Amino acid sequence: MKKLKDLLKESNIWDRKFGEKLPTLADVQKKHNEKKLTEAKIDSKTWKKMKYDIADQIDDLVKIGEDYGVFMNAKYTSKTLKKIQKLWKSL
């Protein structure tokens, strides 16, 4: 559980210049809306390359998944990685 003082340190409310007013809810919403991400257009050739690269990386992780020297909870990690691998192949 986070403490209030930690939450206050994380917020950017205190990062302001002398004499500036505290931000209002409208100010925060406006700033958030400006930061909205737009979807990138990826062609099918690029997507296929990315898909196979990620699949290869997942396969490598599955190979080392049961190694206690790499993962603290190797059995759970291996099981989870195999689920991810199965889901990824279904894409």
PDB file of N, CA and C in Angstrom:
ATOM      1  N   MET A   1       0.848  -1.168   0.000  1.00  0.00           N
ATOM      2  CA  MET A   1       0.000   0.000   0.000  1.00  0.00           C
ATOM      3  C   MET A   1       0.899   1.238   0.000  1.00  0.00           C
ATOM      4  N   LYS A   2       0.530   2.198  -0.828  1.00  0.00           N
ATOM      5  CA  LYS A   2       1.316   3.422  -0.925  1.00  0.00           C
ATOM      6  C   LYS A   2       0.857   4.416   0.136  1.00  0.00           C
ATOM      7  N   LYS A   3       1.808   5.159   0.617  1.00  0.00           N
ATOM      8  CA  LYS A   3       1.497   6.187   1.603  1.00  0.00           C
ATOM      9  C   LYS A   3       1.225   7.505   0.875  1.00  0.00           C
ATOM     10  N   LEU A   4       0.476   8.355   1.525  1.00  0.00           N
ATOM     11  CA  LEU A   4       0.109   9.639   0.940  1.00  0.00           C
ATOM     12  C   LEU A   4       1.331  10.471   0.590  1.00  0.00           C
ATOM     13  N   LYS A   5       2.334  10.460   1.442  1.00  0.00           N
ATOM     14  CA  LYS A   5       3.518  11.279   1.159  1.00  0.00           C
ATOM     15  C   LYS A   5       4.233  10.781  -0.097  1.00  0.00           C
ATOM     16  N   ASP A   6       4.197   9.450  -0.351  1.00  0.00           N
ATOM     17  CA  ASP A   6       4.803   8.913  -1.575  1.00  0.00           C
ATOM     18  C   ASP A   6       4.013   9.345  -2.805  1.00  0.00           C
ATOM     19  N   LEU A   7       2.686   9.339  -2.691  1.00  0.00           N
ATOM     20  CA  LEU A   7       1.849   9.768  -3.816  1.00  0.00           C
ATOM     21  C   LEU A   7       2.079  11.245  -4.132  1.00  0.00           C
ATOM     22  N   LEU A   8       2.232  12.053  -3.093  1.00  0.00           N
ATOM     23  CA  LEU A   8       2.465  13.468  -3.311  1.00  0.00           C
ATOM     24  C   LEU A   8       3.820  13.714  -3.962  1.00  0.00           C
ATOM     25  N   LYS A   9       4.813  12.898  -3.623  1.00  0.00           N
ATOM     26  CA  LYS A   9       6.129  13.043  -4.239  1.00  0.00           C
ATOM     27  C   LYS A   9       6.084  12.678  -5.718  1.00  0.00           C
ATOM     28  N   GLU A  10       5.236  11.685  -6.077  1.00  0.00           N
ATOM     29  CA  GLU A  10       5.144  11.230  -7.461  1.00  0.00           C
ATOM     30  C   GLU A  10       4.419  12.230  -8.355  1.00  0.00           C
ATOM     31  N   SER A  11       3.486  12.982  -7.776  1.00  0.00           N
ATOM     32  CA  SER A  11       2.707  13.904  -8.592  1.00  0.00           C
ATOM     33  C   SER A  11       3.559  15.100  -8.993  1.00  0.00           C
ATOM     34  N   ASN A  12       3.155  15.734 -10.049  1.00  0.00           N
ATOM     35  CA  ASN A  12       3.901  16.882 -10.565  1.00  0.00           C
ATOM     36  C   ASN A  12       3.303  18.203 -10.103  1.00  0.00           C
ATOM     37  N   ILE A  13       2.436  18.153  -9.120  1.00  0.00           N
ATOM     38  CA  ILE A  13       1.801  19.373  -8.614  1.00  0.00           C
ATOM     39  C   ILE A  13       2.842  20.337  -8.069  1.00  0.00           C
ATOM     40  N   TRP A  14       3.870  19.804  -7.454  1.00  0.00           N
ATOM     41  CA  TRP A  14       4.842  20.657  -6.789  1.00  0.00           C
ATOM     42  C   TRP A  14       5.900  21.185  -7.746  1.00  0.00           C
ATOM     43  N   ASP A  15       5.888  20.712  -9.000  1.00  0.00           N
ATOM     44  CA  ASP A  15       6.836  21.198 -10.001  1.00  0.00           C
ATOM     45  C   ASP A  15       6.255  22.428 -10.695  1.00  0.00           C
ATOM     46  N   ARG A  16       6.301  23.546 -10.022  1.00  0.00           N
ATOM     47  CA  ARG A  16       5.777  24.782 -10.597  1.00  0.00           C
ATOM     48  C   ARG A  16       6.636  25.942 -10.155  1.00  0.00           C
ATOM     49  N   LYS A  17       6.530  27.001 -10.911  1.00  0.00           N
ATOM     50  CA  LYS A  17       7.334  28.184 -10.618  1.00  0.00           C
ATOM     51  C   LYS A  17       6.651  29.030  -9.547  1.00  0.00           C
ATOM     52  N   PHE A  18       7.436  29.877  -8.945  1.00  0.00           N
ATOM     53  CA  PHE A  18       6.908  30.750  -7.900  1.00  0.00           C
ATOM     54  C   PHE A  18       5.772  31.608  -8.452  1.00  0.00           C
ATOM     55  N   GLY A  19       4.662  31.646  -7.746  1.00  0.00           N
ATOM     56  CA  GLY A  19       3.538  32.471  -8.141  1.00  0.00           C
ATOM     57  C   GLY A  19       2.536  31.771  -9.050  1.00  0.00           C
ATOM     58  N   GLU A  20       2.891  30.601  -9.580  1.00  0.00           N
ATOM     59  CA  GLU A  20       1.952  29.856 -10.433  1.00  0.00           C
ATOM     60  C   GLU A  20       0.843  29.265  -9.572  1.00  0.00           C
ATOM     61  N   LYS A  21      -0.364  29.223 -10.130  1.00  0.00           N
ATOM     62  CA  LYS A  21      -1.489  28.642  -9.410  1.00  0.00           C
ATOM     63  C   LYS A  21      -1.425  27.121  -9.497  1.00  0.00           C
ATOM     64  N   LEU A  22      -2.065  26.471  -8.542  1.00  0.00           N
ATOM     65  CA  LEU A  22      -2.179  25.016  -8.601  1.00  0.00           C
ATOM     66  C   LEU A  22      -3.064  24.643  -9.783  1.00  0.00           C
ATOM     67  N   PRO A  23      -2.792  23.529 -10.439  1.00  0.00           N
ATOM     68  CA  PRO A  23      -3.609  23.141 -11.594  1.00  0.00           C
ATOM     69  C   PRO A  23      -5.012  22.723 -11.165  1.00  0.00           C
ATOM     70  N   THR A  24      -5.972  23.063 -12.017  1.00  0.00           N
ATOM     71  CA  THR A  24      -7.349  22.657 -11.769  1.00  0.00           C
ATOM     72  C   THR A  24      -7.614  21.358 -12.514  1.00  0.00           C
ATOM     73  N   LEU A  25      -8.759  20.758 -12.262  1.00  0.00           N
ATOM     74  CA  LEU A  25      -9.126  19.531 -12.946  1.00  0.00           C
ATOM     75  C   LEU A  25      -9.201  19.761 -14.459  1.00  0.00           C
ATOM     76  N   ALA A  26      -9.708  20.894 -14.869  1.00  0.00           N
ATOM     77  CA  ALA A  26      -9.805  21.213 -16.296  1.00  0.00           C
ATOM     78  C   ALA A  26      -8.418  21.304 -16.935  1.00  0.00           C
ATOM     79  N   ASP A  27      -7.472  21.888 -16.212  1.00  0.00           N
ATOM     80  CA  ASP A  27      -6.095  21.982 -16.716  1.00  0.00           C
ATOM     81  C   ASP A  27      -5.484  20.599 -16.909  1.00  0.00           C
ATOM     82  N   VAL A  28      -5.707  19.744 -15.939  1.00  0.00           N
ATOM     83  CA  VAL A  28      -5.147  18.393 -16.007  1.00  0.00           C
ATOM     84  C   VAL A  28      -5.776  17.612 -17.149  1.00  0.00           C
ATOM     85  N   GLN A  29      -7.098  17.735 -17.322  1.00  0.00           N
ATOM     86  CA  GLN A  29      -7.784  17.029 -18.411  1.00  0.00           C
ATOM     87  C   GLN A  29      -7.296  17.525 -19.767  1.00  0.00           C
ATOM     88  N   LYS A  30      -7.120  18.835 -19.897  1.00  0.00           N
ATOM     89  CA  LYS A  30      -6.643  19.403 -21.155  1.00  0.00           C
ATOM     90  C   LYS A  30      -5.251  18.879 -21.485  1.00  0.00           C
ATOM     91  N   LYS A  31      -4.389  18.840 -20.495  1.00  0.00           N
ATOM     92  CA  LYS A  31      -3.030  18.352 -20.690  1.00  0.00           C
ATOM     93  C   LYS A  31      -3.044  16.865 -21.064  1.00  0.00           C
ATOM     94  N   HIS A  32      -3.915  16.102 -20.427  1.00  0.00           N
ATOM     95  CA  HIS A  32      -4.029  14.669 -20.722  1.00  0.00           C
ATOM     96  C   HIS A  32      -4.518  14.448 -22.150  1.00  0.00           C
ATOM     97  N   ASN A  33      -5.494  15.213 -22.581  1.00  0.00           N
ATOM     98  CA  ASN A  33      -6.036  15.066 -23.939  1.00  0.00           C
ATOM     99  C   ASN A  33      -5.002  15.422 -25.001  1.00  0.00           C
ATOM    100  N   GLU A  34      -4.098  16.328 -24.685  1.00  0.00           N
ATOM    101  CA  GLU A  34      -3.043  16.695 -25.629  1.00  0.00           C
ATOM    102  C   GLU A  34      -2.046  15.557 -25.820  1.00  0.00           C
ATOM    103  N   LYS A  35      -1.907  14.715 -24.813  1.00  0.00           N
ATOM    104  CA  LYS A  35      -0.932  13.631 -24.862  1.00  0.00           C
ATOM    105  C   LYS A  35      -1.492  12.344 -25.442  1.00  0.00           C
ATOM    106  N   LYS A  36      -2.721  12.350 -25.919  1.00  0.00           N
ATOM    107  CA  LYS A  36      -3.326  11.130 -26.464  1.00  0.00           C
ATOM    108  C   LYS A  36      -2.472  10.596 -27.601  1.00  0.00           C
ATOM    109  N   LEU A  37      -2.312   9.282 -27.619  1.00  0.00           N
ATOM    110  CA  LEU A  37      -1.529   8.637 -28.658  1.00  0.00           C
ATOM    111  C   LEU A  37      -2.384   8.384 -29.891  1.00  0.00           C
ATOM    112  N   THR A  38      -1.767   8.459 -31.021  1.00  0.00           N
ATOM    113  CA  THR A  38      -2.461   8.118 -32.256  1.00  0.00           C
ATOM    114  C   THR A  38      -1.926   6.782 -32.739  1.00  0.00           C
ATOM    115  N   GLU A  39      -2.768   6.046 -33.419  1.00  0.00           N
ATOM    116  CA  GLU A  39      -2.360   4.737 -33.905  1.00  0.00           C
ATOM    117  C   GLU A  39      -1.401   4.878 -35.077  1.00  0.00           C
ATOM    118  N   ALA A  40      -0.379   4.072 -35.051  1.00  0.00           N
ATOM    119  CA  ALA A  40       0.583   4.063 -36.140  1.00  0.00           C
ATOM    120  C   ALA A  40       0.104   3.082 -37.206  1.00  0.00           C
ATOM    121  N   LYS A  41       0.330   3.419 -38.432  1.00  0.00           N
ATOM    122  CA  LYS A  41      -0.037   2.537 -39.536  1.00  0.00           C
ATOM    123  C   LYS A  41       1.150   1.620 -39.822  1.00  0.00           C
ATOM    124  N   ILE A  42       0.928   0.322 -39.702  1.00  0.00           N
ATOM    125  CA  ILE A  42       1.974  -0.666 -39.954  1.00  0.00           C
ATOM    126  C   ILE A  42       1.523  -1.529 -41.122  1.00  0.00           C
ATOM    127  N   ASP A  43       2.374  -1.621 -42.126  1.00  0.00           N
ATOM    128  CA  ASP A  43       2.008  -2.451 -43.269  1.00  0.00           C
ATOM    129  C   ASP A  43       2.163  -3.927 -42.901  1.00  0.00           C
ATOM    130  N   SER A  44       1.575  -4.797 -43.702  1.00  0.00           N
ATOM    131  CA  SER A  44       1.534  -6.218 -43.375  1.00  0.00           C
ATOM    132  C   SER A  44       2.925  -6.854 -43.375  1.00  0.00           C
ATOM    133  N   LYS A  45       3.814  -6.392 -44.227  1.00  0.00           N
ATOM    134  CA  LYS A  45       5.164  -6.947 -44.278  1.00  0.00           C
ATOM    135  C   LYS A  45       5.908  -6.662 -42.968  1.00  0.00           C
ATOM    136  N   THR A  46       5.802  -5.428 -42.480  1.00  0.00           N
ATOM    137  CA  THR A  46       6.439  -5.053 -41.228  1.00  0.00           C
ATOM    138  C   THR A  46       5.827  -5.820 -40.061  1.00  0.00           C
ATOM    139  N   TRP A  47       4.494  -5.956 -40.079  1.00  0.00           N
ATOM    140  CA  TRP A  47       3.809  -6.676 -39.008  1.00  0.00           C
ATOM    141  C   TRP A  47       4.262  -8.135 -38.968  1.00  0.00           C
ATOM    142  N   LYS A  48       4.364  -8.784 -40.111  1.00  0.00           N
ATOM    143  CA  LYS A  48       4.795 -10.187 -40.145  1.00  0.00           C
ATOM    144  C   LYS A  48       6.202 -10.336 -39.592  1.00  0.00           C
ATOM    145  N   LYS A  49       7.089  -9.423 -39.970  1.00  0.00           N
ATOM    146  CA  LYS A  49       8.471  -9.473 -39.471  1.00  0.00           C
ATOM    147  C   LYS A  49       8.491  -9.303 -37.957  1.00  0.00           C
ATOM    148  N   MET A  50       7.728  -8.332 -37.454  1.00  0.00           N
ATOM    149  CA  MET A  50       7.660  -8.117 -36.011  1.00  0.00           C
ATOM    150  C   MET A  50       7.084  -9.340 -35.303  1.00  0.00           C
ATOM    151  N   LYS A  51       6.054  -9.910 -35.884  1.00  0.00           N
ATOM    152  CA  LYS A  51       5.391 -11.073 -35.280  1.00  0.00           C
ATOM    153  C   LYS A  51       6.366 -12.235 -35.151  1.00  0.00           C
ATOM    154  N   TYR A  52       7.126 -12.517 -36.209  1.00  0.00           N
ATOM    155  CA  TYR A  52       8.062 -13.634 -36.169  1.00  0.00           C
ATOM    156  C   TYR A  52       9.240 -13.351 -35.231  1.00  0.00           C
ATOM    157  N   ASP A  53       9.688 -12.111 -35.171  1.00  0.00           N
ATOM    158  CA  ASP A  53      10.764 -11.751 -34.245  1.00  0.00           C
ATOM    159  C   ASP A  53      10.327 -11.956 -32.793  1.00  0.00           C
ATOM    160  N   ILE A  54       9.113 -11.518 -32.486  1.00  0.00           N
ATOM    161  CA  ILE A  54       8.598 -11.679 -31.126  1.00  0.00           C
ATOM    162  C   ILE A  54       8.385 -13.157 -30.816  1.00  0.00           C
ATOM    163  N   ALA A  55       7.884 -13.918 -31.783  1.00  0.00           N
ATOM    164  CA  ALA A  55       7.682 -15.351 -31.584  1.00  0.00           C
ATOM    165  C   ALA A  55       9.011 -16.035 -31.284  1.00  0.00           C
ATOM    166  N   ASP A  56      10.072 -15.652 -31.993  1.00  0.00           N
ATOM    167  CA  ASP A  56      11.396 -16.226 -31.729  1.00  0.00           C
ATOM    168  C   ASP A  56      11.871 -15.900 -30.311  1.00  0.00           C
ATOM    169  N   GLN A  57      11.636 -14.679 -29.876  1.00  0.00           N
ATOM    170  CA  GLN A  57      12.045 -14.290 -28.534  1.00  0.00           C
ATOM    171  C   GLN A  57      11.250 -15.046 -27.471  1.00  0.00           C
ATOM    172  N   ILE A  58       9.954 -15.247 -27.719  1.00  0.00           N
ATOM    173  CA  ILE A  58       9.131 -16.016 -26.790  1.00  0.00           C
ATOM    174  C   ILE A  58       9.618 -17.461 -26.738  1.00  0.00           C
ATOM    175  N   ASP A  59       9.949 -18.035 -27.898  1.00  0.00           N
ATOM    176  CA  ASP A  59      10.468 -19.407 -27.937  1.00  0.00           C
ATOM    177  C   ASP A  59      11.753 -19.528 -27.117  1.00  0.00           C
ATOM    178  N   ASP A  60      12.629 -18.535 -27.234  1.00  0.00           N
ATOM    179  CA  ASP A  60      13.870 -18.545 -26.453  1.00  0.00           C
ATOM    180  C   ASP A  60      13.572 -18.493 -24.957  1.00  0.00           C
ATOM    181  N   LEU A  61      12.603 -17.667 -24.565  1.00  0.00           N
ATOM    182  CA  LEU A  61      12.236 -17.580 -23.152  1.00  0.00           C
ATOM    183  C   LEU A  61      11.656 -18.894 -22.641  1.00  0.00           C
ATOM    184  N   VAL A  62      10.842 -19.554 -23.467  1.00  0.00           N
ATOM    185  CA  VAL A  62      10.263 -20.835 -23.069  1.00  0.00           C
ATOM    186  C   VAL A  62      11.369 -21.866 -22.849  1.00  0.00           C
ATOM    187  N   LYS A  63      12.412 -21.833 -23.680  1.00  0.00           N
ATOM    188  CA  LYS A  63      13.522 -22.783 -23.541  1.00  0.00           C
ATOM    189  C   LYS A  63      14.236 -22.637 -22.198  1.00  0.00           C
ATOM    190  N   ILE A  64      14.366 -21.398 -21.709  1.00  0.00           N
ATOM    191  CA  ILE A  64      15.062 -21.186 -20.443  1.00  0.00           C
ATOM    192  C   ILE A  64      14.095 -20.999 -19.274  1.00  0.00           C
ATOM    193  N   GLY A  65      12.810 -21.201 -19.515  1.00  0.00           N
ATOM    194  CA  GLY A  65      11.777 -20.935 -18.507  1.00  0.00           C
ATOM    195  C   GLY A  65      11.887 -21.728 -17.237  1.00  0.00           C
ATOM    196  N   GLU A  66      12.362 -22.976 -17.302  1.00  0.00           N
ATOM    197  CA  GLU A  66      12.428 -23.813 -16.111  1.00  0.00           C
ATOM    198  C   GLU A  66      13.786 -23.747 -15.418  1.00  0.00           C
ATOM    199  N   ASP A  67      14.607 -22.819 -15.778  1.00  0.00           N
ATOM    200  CA  ASP A  67      15.933 -22.683 -15.191  1.00  0.00           C
ATOM    201  C   ASP A  67      15.841 -21.811 -13.932  1.00  0.00           C
ATOM    202  N   TYR A  68      16.075 -22.436 -12.782  1.00  0.00           N
ATOM    203  CA  TYR A  68      16.003 -21.694 -11.516  1.00  0.00           C
ATOM    204  C   TYR A  68      17.110 -20.656 -11.393  1.00  0.00           C
ATOM    205  N   GLY A  69      18.167 -20.804 -12.170  1.00  0.00           N
ATOM    206  CA  GLY A  69      19.229 -19.809 -12.154  1.00  0.00           C
ATOM    207  C   GLY A  69      18.807 -18.512 -12.812  1.00  0.00           C
ATOM    208  N   VAL A  70      17.771 -18.570 -13.649  1.00  0.00           N
ATOM    209  CA  VAL A  70      17.293 -17.386 -14.360  1.00  0.00           C
ATOM    210  C   VAL A  70      16.048 -16.807 -13.690  1.00  0.00           C
ATOM    211  N   PHE A  71      15.094 -17.677 -13.365  1.00  0.00           N
ATOM    212  CA  PHE A  71      13.822 -17.231 -12.774  1.00  0.00           C
ATOM    213  C   PHE A  71      13.679 -17.791 -11.369  1.00  0.00           C
ATOM    214  N   MET A  72      13.220 -16.979 -10.436  1.00  0.00           N
ATOM    215  CA  MET A  72      13.072 -17.428  -9.055  1.00  0.00           C
ATOM    216  C   MET A  72      11.975 -18.488  -8.927  1.00  0.00           C
ATOM    217  N   ASN A  73      10.860 -18.300  -9.594  1.00  0.00           N
ATOM    218  CA  ASN A  73       9.757 -19.248  -9.551  1.00  0.00           C
ATOM    219  C   ASN A  73       9.657 -19.884 -10.930  1.00  0.00           C
ATOM    220  N   ALA A  74      10.570 -20.807 -11.216  1.00  0.00           N
ATOM    221  CA  ALA A  74      10.751 -21.307 -12.574  1.00  0.00           C
ATOM    222  C   ALA A  74       9.550 -22.097 -13.096  1.00  0.00           C
ATOM    223  N   LYS A  75       8.908 -22.894 -12.266  1.00  0.00           N
ATOM    224  CA  LYS A  75       7.772 -23.693 -12.749  1.00  0.00           C
ATOM    225  C   LYS A  75       6.613 -22.797 -13.175  1.00  0.00           C
ATOM    226  N   TYR A  76       6.287 -21.813 -12.354  1.00  0.00           N
ATOM    227  CA  TYR A  76       5.209 -20.888 -12.689  1.00  0.00           C
ATOM    228  C   TYR A  76       5.578 -20.066 -13.922  1.00  0.00           C
ATOM    229  N   THR A  77       6.820 -19.626 -13.984  1.00  0.00           N
ATOM    230  CA  THR A  77       7.281 -18.842 -15.123  1.00  0.00           C
ATOM    231  C   THR A  77       7.193 -19.649 -16.403  1.00  0.00           C
ATOM    232  N   SER A  78       7.627 -20.892 -16.343  1.00  0.00           N
ATOM    233  CA  SER A  78       7.586 -21.750 -17.520  1.00  0.00           C
ATOM    234  C   SER A  78       6.153 -21.966 -17.996  1.00  0.00           C
ATOM    235  N   LYS A  79       5.271 -22.222 -17.049  1.00  0.00           N
ATOM    236  CA  LYS A  79       3.856 -22.437 -17.379  1.00  0.00           C
ATOM    237  C   LYS A  79       3.254 -21.181 -18.031  1.00  0.00           C
ATOM    238  N   THR A  80       3.562 -20.038 -17.464  1.00  0.00           N
ATOM    239  CA  THR A  80       3.039 -18.770 -17.994  1.00  0.00           C
ATOM    240  C   THR A  80       3.608 -18.480 -19.380  1.00  0.00           C
ATOM    241  N   LEU A  81       4.897 -18.730 -19.567  1.00  0.00           N
ATOM    242  CA  LEU A  81       5.516 -18.494 -20.876  1.00  0.00           C
ATOM    243  C   LEU A  81       4.924 -19.405 -21.946  1.00  0.00           C
ATOM    244  N   LYS A  82       4.614 -20.629 -21.574  1.00  0.00           N
ATOM    245  CA  LYS A  82       3.990 -21.548 -22.537  1.00  0.00           C
ATOM    246  C   LYS A  82       2.595 -21.071 -22.929  1.00  0.00           C
ATOM    247  N   LYS A  83       1.861 -20.498 -21.980  1.00  0.00           N
ATOM    248  CA  LYS A  83       0.544 -19.920 -22.300  1.00  0.00           C
ATOM    249  C   LYS A  83       0.698 -18.746 -23.263  1.00  0.00           C
ATOM    250  N   ILE A  84       1.683 -17.901 -22.984  1.00  0.00           N
ATOM    251  CA  ILE A  84       1.931 -16.744 -23.855  1.00  0.00           C
ATOM    252  C   ILE A  84       2.301 -17.219 -25.257  1.00  0.00           C
ATOM    253  N   GLN A  85       3.146 -18.238 -25.319  1.00  0.00           N
ATOM    254  CA  GLN A  85       3.566 -18.783 -26.613  1.00  0.00           C
ATOM    255  C   GLN A  85       2.360 -19.304 -27.395  1.00  0.00           C
ATOM    256  N   LYS A  86       1.480 -20.005 -26.720  1.00  0.00           N
ATOM    257  CA  LYS A  86       0.283 -20.550 -27.380  1.00  0.00           C
ATOM    258  C   LYS A  86      -0.621 -19.421 -27.884  1.00  0.00           C
ATOM    259  N   LEU A  87      -0.820 -18.405 -27.044  1.00  0.00           N
ATOM    260  CA  LEU A  87      -1.647 -17.270 -27.444  1.00  0.00           C
ATOM    261  C   LEU A  87      -1.034 -16.509 -28.617  1.00  0.00           C
ATOM    262  N   TRP A  88       0.287 -16.327 -28.576  1.00  0.00           N
ATOM    263  CA  TRP A  88       0.963 -15.590 -29.636  1.00  0.00           C
ATOM    264  C   TRP A  88       0.841 -16.316 -30.969  1.00  0.00           C
ATOM    265  N   LYS A  89       0.948 -17.649 -30.939  1.00  0.00           N
ATOM    266  CA  LYS A  89       0.837 -18.423 -32.168  1.00  0.00           C
ATOM    267  C   LYS A  89      -0.565 -18.388 -32.744  1.00  0.00           C
ATOM    268  N   SER A  90      -1.554 -18.106 -31.901  1.00  0.00           N
ATOM    269  CA  SER A  90      -2.935 -18.040 -32.389  1.00  0.00           C
ATOM    270  C   SER A  90      -3.254 -16.720 -33.076  1.00  0.00           C
ATOM    271  N   LEU A  91      -2.354 -15.748 -32.992  1.00  0.00           N
ATOM    272  CA  LEU A  91      -2.576 -14.465 -33.674  1.00  0.00           C
ATOM    273  C   LEU A  91      -2.503 -14.606 -35.177  1.00  0.00           C
TER     274      LEU A  91
END
